[in-house]
Amino acid sequence: MLMYIFFGSHDACSSYKYAKHRIDEINKENLVCKYTMIEGDALGDNVESIAYEVRFEAASSSEGGGSICKMTSNYRMIGDSEIKEEEIKASKERVLGIYKNHLLNNPQVYA
C-alpha cells in the first residue's frame, strides 16, 4: 500500500511539498506501524529512503497517563553520503509533530 502526504503551510513539515510512503506493516494489536519514505523532497539529494518503525505505548499514571510514541528510523543513503545527527533529530521531531498534531485534532482515533 502506498500513501501520499501533501504538506500545507500549517503542517509541522511545511517546508516540504510532499512525501510518498510505502506501508510495510500495521500491527493494530501491538500499536506498531512500519513504513518507508520512498519519494519526496524531504529526502533531499543524499537520502534514498527512510524506514520508520513507530510504536505507541500507554504511559503509566506516574508519567501523567496518556501515551508514549517511540520511533526508530533507518536512513538508506545514496553512495557514500552521510547525514548529520542534528538532521536526524530535526527530522524525528518534525515527524513526531505530525503525529501529535493529528492525535490532538482527532481524539476519536485513540479513544
Protein backbone atom coordinates (compact mmCIF):
# COMPACT_ATOMS: atom_id res chain seq x y z
CA MET A 1 0.00 0.00 0.00
CA LEU A 2 1.27 3.49 -0.86
CA MET A 3 0.39 6.69 0.94
CA TYR A 4 0.97 10.21 -0.34
CA ILE A 5 1.23 13.14 2.05
CA PHE A 6 0.91 16.69 0.78
CA PHE A 7 2.07 19.35 3.20
CA GLY A 8 0.39 22.72 3.73
CA SER A 9 1.60 25.86 5.45
CA HIS A 10 0.06 24.74 8.78
CA ASP A 11 1.87 21.39 8.91
CA ALA A 12 4.94 20.57 11.01
CA CYS A 13 6.79 19.88 7.74
CA SER A 14 5.61 22.97 5.88
CA SER A 15 8.99 23.46 4.19
CA TYR A 16 8.30 20.31 2.13
CA LYS A 17 5.76 19.79 -0.64
CA TYR A 18 5.05 16.06 -0.50
CA ALA A 19 6.24 12.64 0.58
CA LYS A 20 5.42 9.18 -0.74
CA HIS A 21 5.42 6.38 1.83
CA ARG A 22 5.14 2.62 1.46
CA ILE A 23 3.25 0.96 4.31
CA ASP A 24 5.31 -2.09 5.28
CA GLU A 25 3.35 -3.33 8.30
CA ILE A 26 0.46 -2.29 10.51
CA ASN A 27 0.10 -4.22 13.76
CA LYS A 28 -3.08 -2.96 15.43
CA GLU A 29 -2.75 -5.36 18.36
CA ASN A 30 0.67 -4.02 19.37
CA LEU A 31 0.08 -0.45 18.09
CA VAL A 32 3.05 -0.59 15.71
CA CYS A 33 3.33 0.85 12.22
CA LYS A 34 6.30 0.30 9.91
CA TYR A 35 6.58 2.39 6.78
CA THR A 36 9.23 3.68 4.41
CA MET A 37 9.50 7.13 2.83
CA ILE A 38 10.46 6.30 -0.74
CA GLU A 39 9.96 9.60 -2.56
CA GLY A 40 9.63 13.30 -1.88
CA ASP A 41 11.56 16.49 -1.44
CA ALA A 42 12.08 15.72 2.26
CA LEU A 43 14.63 13.06 1.22
CA GLY A 44 16.91 15.67 -0.31
CA ASP A 45 19.73 14.73 -2.65
CA ASN A 46 21.61 12.26 -0.44
CA VAL A 47 18.92 10.02 1.08
CA GLU A 48 17.43 7.16 -0.94
CA SER A 49 14.78 6.21 1.63
CA ILE A 50 13.95 6.34 5.34
CA ALA A 51 12.38 3.32 7.05
CA TYR A 52 10.36 4.11 10.18
CA GLU A 53 9.01 1.96 12.98
CA VAL A 54 6.51 3.81 15.14
CA ARG A 55 5.23 2.29 18.36
CA PHE A 56 2.58 3.72 20.69
CA GLU A 57 2.51 2.66 24.32
CA ALA A 58 0.30 3.63 27.24
CA ALA A 59 2.09 5.87 29.72
CA SER A 60 1.88 4.92 33.38
CA SER A 61 -0.08 7.07 35.80
CA SER A 62 3.23 8.18 37.34
CA GLU A 63 4.15 9.54 33.88
CA GLY A 64 0.91 11.50 33.74
CA GLY A 65 -1.07 8.97 31.71
CA GLY A 66 -1.65 9.43 28.01
CA SER A 67 0.57 7.69 25.52
CA ILE A 68 4.21 7.49 24.55
CA CYS A 69 5.32 7.42 20.92
CA LYS A 70 8.62 5.67 20.21
CA MET A 71 10.14 5.91 16.77
CA THR A 72 13.11 4.22 15.14
CA SER A 73 14.37 5.39 11.77
CA ASN A 74 16.84 3.79 9.37
CA TYR A 75 18.34 6.05 6.70
CA ARG A 76 19.43 4.49 3.41
CA MET A 77 21.95 6.86 1.89
CA ILE A 78 22.91 7.35 -1.75
CA GLY A 79 26.53 6.41 -2.41
CA ASP A 80 28.95 7.48 0.31
CA SER A 81 26.74 10.31 1.54
CA GLU A 82 26.45 10.87 5.27
CA ILE A 83 23.79 12.54 7.37
CA LYS A 84 24.44 14.59 10.47
CA GLU A 85 22.94 13.63 13.83
CA GLU A 86 21.30 17.08 14.05
CA GLU A 87 19.48 16.43 10.77
CA ILE A 88 18.19 13.08 12.04
CA LYS A 89 16.99 14.66 15.29
CA ALA A 90 15.24 17.50 13.45
CA SER A 91 13.56 15.02 11.10
CA LYS A 92 12.28 12.91 14.01
CA GLU A 93 10.93 16.00 15.74
CA ARG A 94 9.03 17.02 12.59
CA VAL A 95 7.53 13.55 12.18
CA LEU A 96 6.52 13.35 15.86
CA GLY A 97 4.98 16.82 15.47
CA ILE A 98 2.79 15.48 12.67
CA TYR A 99 1.61 12.57 14.87
CA LYS A 100 0.96 14.86 17.84
CA ASN A 101 -0.97 17.34 15.71
CA HIS A 102 -3.06 14.56 14.17
CA LEU A 103 -3.88 12.94 17.52
CA LEU A 104 -4.75 16.23 19.21
CA ASN A 105 -7.06 17.16 16.33
CA ASN A 106 -8.60 13.67 16.10
CA PRO A 107 -9.01 12.33 19.66
CA GLN A 108 -11.52 9.72 18.48
CA VAL A 109 -8.73 7.74 16.77
CA TYR A 110 -7.17 6.76 20.08
CA ALA A 111 -10.18 6.87 22.42
